[in-house]
Every structure is written in C-alpha cells, then in structure tokens.
C-alpha cells in the first residue's frame, strides 16, 4: 500500500500538526528540525559540504530551519543564514500554508538561490510550490531542490518532485497515522528519517 500524500486541508488538521498528538509545538519543531538536519547530513557529507546556507522564512517553517541549523552545527557543519560562500542550501522559507504568488523580497531571493548552482534541500514542500498542485508555471518563482524532506507525511504537491525524497515523521503517533490512513513506512533503526521511493517508482506501484 502506497504512502498517503496530504492535501493542504489535511496537512493543517489540528490533530496531525498540533498538541493533540501528545507533543507540544516546540517539541514538534525540535523533532522536525532534527529530521531536516539529518536528511541534509545523510545526503551531503560535512567533509565536502561543510558550509550550509539555511534560508528561513516566517512562521513555523522558519522555526524548523533554525532548529535544523543548530543541529547541523552540532553535527560539525557550519550553518549560516542568508550568507554567501555556502556549499549546500537548506530551504525552510515557505511551508504548507503558502499560497502564491511569491512576494517581495522572496521573488528576488528564490531566483538567486536557483542560480547559485548549489545543491538545495527543501523542508516539507519546495518554496514557491503549491502544496497540492506542485511547482508553478513560472519556474523562476520557485525552488527546484535536489532533496526534499517531507514532515509528518508527504504533501500532494510533492508527487511532482523528482529528486531524493525523505520523510521525517517518526513523531506521528500510530493512532493518528491509522486514523488518517497515512500508510507511513517503517523507520530504520533509531533514525528520524526514511528515504521514500522515487516518483517514478511510486507510479509503478
């Protein structure tokens, strides 16, 4: 059975994203940030990609990015916020509540990040993408990352994502996963993340 991809409405369900799941908001942010940091570290080793540009926007998504930056520092990386000379970018600008069009100053920032040529790891949904329909028609108005870490469960728009896809949702109680029929995969060992099949592989299932 394939993992369930969430719509914007279901992603905002209080029981999935709030304290009803036995975690406080700050605990959820800590777990989400740890999953993001672990995903980046799993794909981009610190020997080659030590300097990480963490791009944080407003709201909880930006909070996830700040937590991830702290964990990356503890992992031995050198995270910075909106600074040049980085080796890999952690995109925590917009979350699942985003709806376009992209406004200033992000309409200028996103193309610059794409043009940097640096690998990008996006949190939950690539910034500028619609949570349900995926990337916009105007490709300059969104990021196109190499890696995506979905939180709780993948969002519907992530079906269009072609890169390496991870899930960071080990904090979702089984009763909630069953209630919403999320069909979450098993996590290996003590990891907070699990790699998901590619979009092409999912379509064949």
Protein backbone atom coordinates (compact mmCIF):
# COMPACT_ATOMS: atom_id res chain seq x y z
CA UNK A 1 0.00 0.00 0.00
CA UNK A 2 1.44 3.39 -1.05
CA UNK A 3 2.05 6.17 1.44
CA UNK A 4 -0.65 8.82 1.55
CA UNK A 5 0.10 12.31 0.23
CA UNK A 6 -1.65 15.08 2.17
CA UNK A 7 -3.77 17.91 0.79
CA UNK A 8 -3.33 21.40 2.26
CA UNK A 9 -6.53 20.97 4.28
CA UNK A 10 -5.50 17.67 5.78
CA UNK A 11 -1.95 18.90 6.41
CA UNK A 12 -3.40 21.64 8.59
CA UNK A 13 -5.52 19.25 10.64
CA UNK A 14 -5.03 20.21 14.29
CA UNK A 15 -4.70 16.57 15.32
CA UNK A 16 -1.82 15.99 12.90
CA UNK A 17 0.16 19.18 13.36
CA UNK A 18 -0.66 20.28 16.90
CA UNK A 19 -0.53 19.17 20.50
CA UNK A 20 -3.29 16.58 20.08
CA UNK A 21 -0.57 14.12 19.06
CA UNK A 22 1.00 14.30 22.54
CA UNK A 23 3.74 16.77 21.53
CA UNK A 24 3.85 20.50 22.24
CA UNK A 25 4.54 22.91 19.36
CA UNK A 26 8.15 23.46 20.44
CA UNK A 27 8.70 19.69 20.69
CA UNK A 28 7.30 19.17 17.18
CA UNK A 29 9.55 21.93 15.87
CA UNK A 30 12.56 20.32 17.55
CA UNK A 31 11.78 16.91 16.04
CA UNK A 32 11.08 18.40 12.61
CA UNK A 33 14.32 20.41 12.66
CA UNK A 34 16.29 17.32 13.68
CA UNK A 35 14.76 15.35 10.79
CA UNK A 36 15.71 18.14 8.36
CA UNK A 37 19.29 18.29 9.65
CA UNK A 38 19.63 14.51 9.50
CA UNK A 39 18.34 14.43 5.92
CA UNK A 40 20.87 17.02 4.75
CA UNK A 41 23.69 15.24 6.59
CA UNK A 42 22.72 11.89 5.10
CA UNK A 43 22.93 13.17 1.53
CA UNK A 44 25.68 15.81 1.79
CA UNK A 45 28.63 14.82 3.99
CA UNK A 46 30.32 17.53 6.03
CA UNK A 47 33.76 16.83 4.56
CA UNK A 48 32.66 18.12 1.15
CA UNK A 49 29.64 20.28 2.04
CA UNK A 50 30.58 21.91 5.34
CA UNK A 51 29.07 25.36 4.84
CA UNK A 52 25.27 25.30 4.82
CA UNK A 53 23.08 28.26 3.90
CA UNK A 54 19.86 27.91 5.91
CA UNK A 55 17.08 30.03 4.38
CA UNK A 56 14.31 30.72 6.88
CA UNK A 57 11.02 32.46 6.26
CA UNK A 58 8.29 33.48 8.70
CA UNK A 59 6.22 31.11 10.81
CA UNK A 60 6.81 27.55 11.91
CA UNK A 61 8.68 26.62 8.72
CA UNK A 62 11.37 29.17 9.54
CA UNK A 63 11.47 27.80 13.09
CA UNK A 64 12.16 24.33 11.70
CA UNK A 65 15.05 25.81 9.74
CA UNK A 66 16.56 27.50 12.79
CA UNK A 67 16.38 24.26 14.78
CA UNK A 68 17.96 22.41 11.88
CA UNK A 69 20.77 24.96 11.77
CA UNK A 70 21.54 24.31 15.44
CA UNK A 71 21.62 20.55 14.91
CA UNK A 72 23.79 20.93 11.81
CA UNK A 73 26.26 22.91 13.91
CA UNK A 74 26.32 20.07 16.43
CA UNK A 75 26.89 17.61 13.57
CA UNK A 76 30.03 19.51 12.56
CA UNK A 77 28.66 21.67 9.74
CA UNK A 78 28.98 25.47 9.58
CA UNK A 79 25.42 26.75 9.11
CA UNK A 80 24.78 30.40 8.28
CA UNK A 81 21.64 32.39 7.49
CA UNK A 82 21.49 34.18 4.12
CA UNK A 83 25.27 34.29 3.77
CA UNK A 84 27.38 33.71 0.62
CA UNK A 85 30.08 31.10 0.08
CA UNK A 86 27.98 28.15 1.11
CA UNK A 87 28.21 24.57 -0.15
CA UNK A 88 24.59 23.46 0.26
CA UNK A 89 21.32 25.31 0.94
CA UNK A 90 18.61 24.25 3.42
CA UNK A 91 15.36 25.81 2.20
CA UNK A 92 12.96 26.50 5.08
CA UNK A 93 11.32 29.60 3.59
CA UNK A 94 7.69 28.64 2.88
CA UNK A 95 5.64 25.83 4.41
CA UNK A 96 2.42 24.02 3.54
CA UNK A 97 0.32 27.12 4.27
CA UNK A 98 1.97 29.06 1.42
CA UNK A 99 -0.17 30.26 -1.47
CA UNK A 100 1.22 32.27 -4.37
CA UNK A 101 2.23 34.49 -5.90
CA UNK A 102 5.64 34.89 -4.30
CA UNK A 103 6.01 38.41 -2.91
CA UNK A 104 8.96 40.66 -2.12
CA UNK A 105 11.69 40.06 -1.01
CA UNK A 106 11.33 36.37 -1.84
CA UNK A 107 10.53 36.99 -5.51
CA UNK A 108 14.13 38.19 -5.84
CA UNK A 109 15.70 35.70 -3.43
CA UNK A 110 14.34 32.47 -4.95
CA UNK A 111 15.82 33.01 -8.45
CA UNK A 112 19.17 33.89 -6.87
CA UNK A 113 19.15 30.65 -4.89
CA UNK A 114 18.29 28.64 -8.00
CA UNK A 115 21.04 30.37 -9.97
CA UNK A 116 23.64 29.75 -7.26
CA UNK A 117 24.28 26.26 -8.62
CA UNK A 118 24.40 24.92 -5.05
CA UNK A 119 22.51 21.75 -4.06
CA UNK A 120 19.26 22.54 -2.26
CA UNK A 121 17.44 20.57 0.44
CA UNK A 122 13.84 21.74 0.90
CA UNK A 123 11.74 21.32 4.03
CA UNK A 124 8.22 19.84 3.62
CA UNK A 125 7.49 21.42 0.22
CA UNK A 126 9.91 23.33 -2.05
CA UNK A 127 9.49 27.07 -1.53
CA UNK A 128 7.20 28.56 -4.15
CA UNK A 129 5.39 25.26 -4.85
CA UNK A 130 1.66 24.89 -4.27
CA UNK A 131 1.13 22.30 -1.55
CA UNK A 132 -1.48 20.50 -3.67
CA UNK A 133 -0.54 21.10 -7.31
CA UNK A 134 3.25 21.31 -7.11
CA UNK A 135 5.55 23.71 -8.98
CA UNK A 136 4.16 26.92 -10.53
CA UNK A 137 4.15 27.65 -14.26
CA UNK A 138 6.68 30.42 -13.68
CA UNK A 139 9.77 28.36 -12.85
CA UNK A 140 11.63 31.45 -11.60
CA UNK A 141 9.11 31.84 -8.78
CA UNK A 142 10.05 28.61 -7.00
CA UNK A 143 12.97 26.49 -5.89
CA UNK A 144 13.77 23.17 -7.54
CA UNK A 145 15.72 21.24 -4.90
CA UNK A 146 17.82 18.13 -5.20
CA UNK A 147 16.47 16.73 -1.93
CA UNK A 148 13.13 17.07 -0.15
CA UNK A 149 12.33 16.11 3.45
CA UNK A 150 8.56 15.84 3.96
CA UNK A 151 7.35 16.28 7.53
CA UNK A 152 4.53 14.19 9.06
CA UNK A 153 3.54 12.84 5.62
CA UNK A 154 4.27 13.93 2.02
CA UNK A 155 2.11 16.72 0.66
CA UNK A 156 0.14 16.23 -2.55
CA UNK A 157 2.28 18.69 -4.50
CA UNK A 158 5.38 16.62 -3.72
CA UNK A 159 4.19 13.98 -6.20
CA UNK A 160 5.82 16.21 -8.83
CA UNK A 161 9.19 16.08 -7.07
CA UNK A 162 11.87 14.11 -8.95
CA UNK A 163 14.86 14.14 -6.57
CA UNK A 164 15.79 12.24 -3.41
CA UNK A 165 12.76 12.25 -1.11
CA UNK A 166 12.86 11.63 2.63
CA UNK A 167 10.15 11.51 5.27
CA UNK A 168 10.65 12.93 8.76
CA UNK A 169 7.56 11.89 10.67
CA UNK A 170 8.55 9.36 13.28
CA UNK A 171 6.85 11.58 15.85
CA UNK A 172 3.37 10.85 14.40
CA UNK A 173 1.51 8.59 16.90
CA UNK A 174 0.26 5.33 15.42
CA UNK A 175 -3.32 6.16 16.38
CA UNK A 176 -3.12 9.32 14.25
CA UNK A 177 -1.44 7.53 11.35
CA UNK A 178 -4.19 4.92 11.39
CA UNK A 179 -6.99 7.47 11.75
CA UNK A 180 -5.86 9.41 8.68
CA UNK A 181 -4.74 6.29 6.79
CA UNK A 182 -1.27 7.74 6.22
CA UNK A 183 0.33 4.36 5.40
CA UNK A 184 3.65 5.53 6.83
CA UNK A 185 6.72 3.37 6.14
CA UNK A 186 8.88 1.82 8.84
CA UNK A 187 11.87 3.84 10.01
CA UNK A 188 15.27 2.13 10.07
CA UNK A 189 16.94 1.69 13.44
CA UNK A 190 16.72 4.86 15.51
CA UNK A 191 16.66 7.22 12.52
CA UNK A 192 14.23 10.13 12.44
CA UNK A 193 14.03 9.90 8.65
CA UNK A 194 13.37 7.29 5.98
CA UNK A 195 14.00 7.60 2.25
CA UNK A 196 10.88 7.27 0.11
CA UNK A 197 10.66 5.62 -3.31
CA UNK A 198 11.19 7.91 -6.28
CA UNK A 199 8.16 9.40 -8.00
CA UNK A 200 8.69 7.04 -10.94
CA UNK A 201 8.78 4.01 -8.63
CA UNK A 202 5.62 5.20 -6.84
CA UNK A 203 3.76 5.42 -10.16
CA UNK A 204 4.58 1.80 -10.93
CA UNK A 205 3.13 0.54 -7.62
